[in-house]
């Protein structure tokens, strides 16, 4: 990928285990919060791209 430019967005929740049901609520809250933040950050930009 020498000629390509790449980027990444990372939002990480540490200290949880997907196999531990006691962590599921915390993970769900994190995922919902992340989705809302991503929507707020990118909704306008994505709608502009879709118009072109």
PDB file of N, CA and C in Angstrom:
ATOM      1  N   UNK A   1       0.836  -1.191   0.000  1.00  0.00           N
ATOM      2  CA  UNK A   1       0.000   0.000   0.000  1.00  0.00           C
ATOM      3  C   UNK A   1       0.879   1.251   0.000  1.00  0.00           C
ATOM      4  N   UNK A   2       2.005   1.192  -0.639  1.00  0.00           N
ATOM      5  CA  UNK A   2       2.913   2.324  -0.635  1.00  0.00           C
ATOM      6  C   UNK A   2       2.317   3.565  -1.277  1.00  0.00           C
ATOM      7  N   UNK A   3       1.518   3.398  -2.324  1.00  0.00           N
ATOM      8  CA  UNK A   3       0.955   4.538  -3.037  1.00  0.00           C
ATOM      9  C   UNK A   3      -0.376   5.010  -2.471  1.00  0.00           C
ATOM     10  N   UNK A   4      -0.909   4.306  -1.514  1.00  0.00           N
ATOM     11  CA  UNK A   4      -2.221   4.628  -0.968  1.00  0.00           C
ATOM     12  C   UNK A   4      -2.103   5.355   0.367  1.00  0.00           C
ATOM     13  N   UNK A   5      -3.073   6.178   0.617  1.00  0.00           N
ATOM     14  CA  UNK A   5      -3.179   6.834   1.915  1.00  0.00           C
ATOM     15  C   UNK A   5      -4.312   6.153   2.659  1.00  0.00           C
ATOM     16  N   UNK A   6      -4.062   5.756   3.866  1.00  0.00           N
ATOM     17  CA  UNK A   6      -5.093   5.091   4.656  1.00  0.00           C
ATOM     18  C   UNK A   6      -5.264   5.821   5.978  1.00  0.00           C
ATOM     19  N   UNK A   7      -6.405   5.616   6.573  1.00  0.00           N
ATOM     20  CA  UNK A   7      -6.651   6.174   7.897  1.00  0.00           C
ATOM     21  C   UNK A   7      -7.572   5.232   8.651  1.00  0.00           C
ATOM     22  N   UNK A   8      -7.651   5.457   9.938  1.00  0.00           N
ATOM     23  CA  UNK A   8      -8.440   4.574  10.785  1.00  0.00           C
ATOM     24  C   UNK A   8      -9.031   5.387  11.921  1.00  0.00           C
ATOM     25  N   UNK A   9     -10.205   5.003  12.311  1.00  0.00           N
ATOM     26  CA  UNK A   9     -10.832   5.580  13.499  1.00  0.00           C
ATOM     27  C   UNK A   9     -10.955   4.449  14.501  1.00  0.00           C
ATOM     28  N   UNK A  10     -10.473   4.692  15.691  1.00  0.00           N
ATOM     29  CA  UNK A  10     -10.502   3.645  16.715  1.00  0.00           C
ATOM     30  C   UNK A  10     -11.089   4.216  17.992  1.00  0.00           C
ATOM     31  N   UNK A  11     -12.041   3.495  18.522  1.00  0.00           N
ATOM     32  CA  UNK A  11     -12.643   3.832  19.815  1.00  0.00           C
ATOM     33  C   UNK A  11     -12.685   2.519  20.577  1.00  0.00           C
ATOM     34  N   UNK A  12     -11.951   2.423  21.647  1.00  0.00           N
ATOM     35  CA  UNK A  12     -11.708   1.143  22.297  1.00  0.00           C
ATOM     36  C   UNK A  12     -12.219   1.136  23.726  1.00  0.00           C
ATOM     37  N   UNK A  13     -12.793   0.021  24.105  1.00  0.00           N
ATOM     38  CA  UNK A  13     -13.244  -0.191  25.476  1.00  0.00           C
ATOM     39  C   UNK A  13     -12.392  -1.296  26.088  1.00  0.00           C
ATOM     40  N   UNK A  14     -11.609  -0.942  27.065  1.00  0.00           N
ATOM     41  CA  UNK A  14     -10.730  -1.912  27.725  1.00  0.00           C
ATOM     42  C   UNK A  14     -11.396  -2.477  28.973  1.00  0.00           C
ATOM     43  N   UNK A  15     -10.910  -3.620  29.392  1.00  0.00           N
ATOM     44  CA  UNK A  15     -11.338  -4.190  30.666  1.00  0.00           C
ATOM     45  C   UNK A  15     -12.668  -4.905  30.626  1.00  0.00           C
ATOM     46  N   UNK A  16     -13.091  -5.366  29.439  1.00  0.00           N
ATOM     47  CA  UNK A  16     -14.331  -6.133  29.338  1.00  0.00           C
ATOM     48  C   UNK A  16     -14.044  -7.450  28.627  1.00  0.00           C
ATOM     49  N   UNK A  17     -14.928  -8.408  28.820  1.00  0.00           N
ATOM     50  CA  UNK A  17     -14.800  -9.726  28.217  1.00  0.00           C
ATOM     51  C   UNK A  17     -16.140 -10.095  27.593  1.00  0.00           C
ATOM     52  N   UNK A  18     -16.150 -10.336  26.286  1.00  0.00           N
ATOM     53  CA  UNK A  18     -17.418 -10.610  25.597  1.00  0.00           C
ATOM     54  C   UNK A  18     -18.092 -11.879  26.103  1.00  0.00           C
ATOM     55  N   UNK A  19     -17.341 -12.771  26.703  1.00  0.00           N
ATOM     56  CA  UNK A  19     -17.942 -13.997  27.224  1.00  0.00           C
ATOM     57  C   UNK A  19     -18.482 -13.830  28.648  1.00  0.00           C
ATOM     58  N   UNK A  20     -18.286 -12.663  29.242  1.00  0.00           N
ATOM     59  CA  UNK A  20     -18.757 -12.392  30.597  1.00  0.00           C
ATOM     60  C   UNK A  20     -20.051 -11.577  30.517  1.00  0.00           C
ATOM     61  N   UNK A  21     -21.156 -12.201  30.842  1.00  0.00           N
ATOM     62  CA  UNK A  21     -22.452 -11.520  30.749  1.00  0.00           C
ATOM     63  C   UNK A  21     -22.523 -10.259  31.604  1.00  0.00           C
ATOM     64  N   UNK A  22     -21.748 -10.184  32.666  1.00  0.00           N
ATOM     65  CA  UNK A  22     -21.758  -8.996  33.516  1.00  0.00           C
ATOM     66  C   UNK A  22     -21.184  -7.781  32.788  1.00  0.00           C
ATOM     67  N   UNK A  23     -20.397  -7.992  31.751  1.00  0.00           N
ATOM     68  CA  UNK A  23     -19.815  -6.898  30.966  1.00  0.00           C
ATOM     69  C   UNK A  23     -20.705  -6.443  29.818  1.00  0.00           C
ATOM     70  N   UNK A  24     -21.736  -7.194  29.490  1.00  0.00           N
ATOM     71  CA  UNK A  24     -22.541  -6.907  28.308  1.00  0.00           C
ATOM     72  C   UNK A  24     -23.209  -5.536  28.370  1.00  0.00           C
ATOM     73  N   UNK A  25     -23.740  -5.159  29.507  1.00  0.00           N
ATOM     74  CA  UNK A  25     -24.392  -3.857  29.638  1.00  0.00           C
ATOM     75  C   UNK A  25     -23.398  -2.733  29.354  1.00  0.00           C
ATOM     76  N   UNK A  26     -22.227  -2.839  29.924  1.00  0.00           N
ATOM     77  CA  UNK A  26     -21.182  -1.836  29.711  1.00  0.00           C
ATOM     78  C   UNK A  26     -20.794  -1.769  28.235  1.00  0.00           C
ATOM     79  N   UNK A  27     -20.677  -2.927  27.586  1.00  0.00           N
ATOM     80  CA  UNK A  27     -20.333  -2.964  26.170  1.00  0.00           C
ATOM     81  C   UNK A  27     -21.446  -2.363  25.310  1.00  0.00           C
ATOM     82  N   UNK A  28     -22.687  -2.677  25.630  1.00  0.00           N
ATOM     83  CA  UNK A  28     -23.810  -2.115  24.878  1.00  0.00           C
ATOM     84  C   UNK A  28     -23.853  -0.601  24.998  1.00  0.00           C
ATOM     85  N   UNK A  29     -23.658  -0.089  26.195  1.00  0.00           N
ATOM     86  CA  UNK A  29     -23.648   1.361  26.394  1.00  0.00           C
ATOM     87  C   UNK A  29     -22.511   2.010  25.611  1.00  0.00           C
ATOM     88  N   UNK A  30     -21.357   1.376  25.614  1.00  0.00           N
ATOM     89  CA  UNK A  30     -20.208   1.880  24.862  1.00  0.00           C
ATOM     90  C   UNK A  30     -20.515   1.903  23.361  1.00  0.00           C
ATOM     91  N   UNK A  31     -21.094   0.820  22.840  1.00  0.00           N
ATOM     92  CA  UNK A  31     -21.405   0.745  21.412  1.00  0.00           C
ATOM     93  C   UNK A  31     -22.456   1.773  20.999  1.00  0.00           C
ATOM     94  N   UNK A  32     -23.469   1.949  21.813  1.00  0.00           N
ATOM     95  CA  UNK A  32     -24.503   2.941  21.519  1.00  0.00           C
ATOM     96  C   UNK A  32     -23.902   4.338  21.521  1.00  0.00           C
ATOM     97  N   UNK A  33     -23.110   4.651  22.540  1.00  0.00           N
ATOM     98  CA  UNK A  33     -22.455   5.950  22.616  1.00  0.00           C
ATOM     99  C   UNK A  33     -21.551   6.170  21.402  1.00  0.00           C
ATOM    100  N   UNK A  34     -20.791   5.153  21.030  1.00  0.00           N
ATOM    101  CA  UNK A  34     -19.896   5.266  19.870  1.00  0.00           C
ATOM    102  C   UNK A  34     -20.678   5.512  18.587  1.00  0.00           C
ATOM    103  N   UNK A  35     -21.776   4.804  18.407  1.00  0.00           N
ATOM    104  CA  UNK A  35     -22.588   4.977  17.204  1.00  0.00           C
ATOM    105  C   UNK A  35     -23.166   6.386  17.127  1.00  0.00           C
ATOM    106  N   UNK A  36     -23.634   6.908  18.240  1.00  0.00           N
ATOM    107  CA  UNK A  36     -24.186   8.261  18.276  1.00  0.00           C
ATOM    108  C   UNK A  36     -23.106   9.289  17.943  1.00  0.00           C
ATOM    109  N   UNK A  37     -21.927   9.118  18.510  1.00  0.00           N
ATOM    110  CA  UNK A  37     -20.824  10.042  18.239  1.00  0.00           C
ATOM    111  C   UNK A  37     -20.402   9.992  16.762  1.00  0.00           C
ATOM    112  N   UNK A  38     -20.325   8.791  16.204  1.00  0.00           N
ATOM    113  CA  UNK A  38     -19.951   8.646  14.789  1.00  0.00           C
ATOM    114  C   UNK A  38     -21.010   9.297  13.895  1.00  0.00           C
ATOM    115  N   UNK A  39     -22.260   9.085  14.226  1.00  0.00           N
ATOM    116  CA  UNK A  39     -23.342   9.688  13.445  1.00  0.00           C
ATOM    117  C   UNK A  39     -23.233  11.212  13.466  1.00  0.00           C
ATOM    118  N   UNK A  40     -23.035  11.775  14.646  1.00  0.00           N
ATOM    119  CA  UNK A  40     -22.913  13.227  14.764  1.00  0.00           C
ATOM    120  C   UNK A  40     -21.706  13.751  13.989  1.00  0.00           C
ATOM    121  N   UNK A  41     -20.626  13.006  14.016  1.00  0.00           N
ATOM    122  CA  UNK A  41     -19.396  13.459  13.368  1.00  0.00           C
ATOM    123  C   UNK A  41     -19.463  13.360  11.846  1.00  0.00           C
ATOM    124  N   UNK A  42     -20.172  12.367  11.322  1.00  0.00           N
ATOM    125  CA  UNK A  42     -20.075  12.082   9.894  1.00  0.00           C
ATOM    126  C   UNK A  42     -21.361  12.214   9.095  1.00  0.00           C
ATOM    127  N   UNK A  43     -22.503  12.389   9.725  1.00  0.00           N
ATOM    128  CA  UNK A  43     -23.771  12.429   8.984  1.00  0.00           C
ATOM    129  C   UNK A  43     -23.750  13.465   7.864  1.00  0.00           C
ATOM    130  N   UNK A  44     -23.356  14.684   8.173  1.00  0.00           N
ATOM    131  CA  UNK A  44     -23.368  15.759   7.177  1.00  0.00           C
ATOM    132  C   UNK A  44     -22.395  15.449   6.037  1.00  0.00           C
ATOM    133  N   UNK A  45     -21.215  14.995   6.358  1.00  0.00           N
ATOM    134  CA  UNK A  45     -20.215  14.692   5.338  1.00  0.00           C
ATOM    135  C   UNK A  45     -20.674  13.559   4.418  1.00  0.00           C
ATOM    136  N   UNK A  46     -21.253  12.527   4.998  1.00  0.00           N
ATOM    137  CA  UNK A  46     -21.712  11.394   4.196  1.00  0.00           C
ATOM    138  C   UNK A  46     -22.866  11.800   3.294  1.00  0.00           C
ATOM    139  N   UNK A  47     -23.775  12.621   3.798  1.00  0.00           N
ATOM    140  CA  UNK A  47     -24.888  13.060   2.945  1.00  0.00           C
ATOM    141  C   UNK A  47     -24.377  13.906   1.788  1.00  0.00           C
ATOM    142  N   UNK A  48     -23.302  14.668   1.995  1.00  0.00           N
ATOM    143  CA  UNK A  48     -22.708  15.440   0.908  1.00  0.00           C
ATOM    144  C   UNK A  48     -22.076  14.527  -0.132  1.00  0.00           C
ATOM    145  N   UNK A  49     -21.423  13.488   0.293  1.00  0.00           N
ATOM    146  CA  UNK A  49     -20.835  12.525  -0.637  1.00  0.00           C
ATOM    147  C   UNK A  49     -21.917  11.839  -1.448  1.00  0.00           C
ATOM    148  N   UNK A  50     -23.004  11.454  -0.794  1.00  0.00           N
ATOM    149  CA  UNK A  50     -24.090  10.752  -1.473  1.00  0.00           C
ATOM    150  C   UNK A  50     -24.794  11.615  -2.517  1.00  0.00           C
ATOM    151  N   UNK A  51     -24.730  12.923  -2.373  1.00  0.00           N
ATOM    152  CA  UNK A  51     -25.359  13.817  -3.346  1.00  0.00           C
ATOM    153  C   UNK A  51     -24.558  13.887  -4.651  1.00  0.00           C
ATOM    154  N   UNK A  52     -23.278  13.580  -4.586  1.00  0.00           N
ATOM    155  CA  UNK A  52     -22.416  13.686  -5.772  1.00  0.00           C
ATOM    156  C   UNK A  52     -22.453  12.453  -6.611  1.00  0.00           C
TER     157      UNK A  52
END
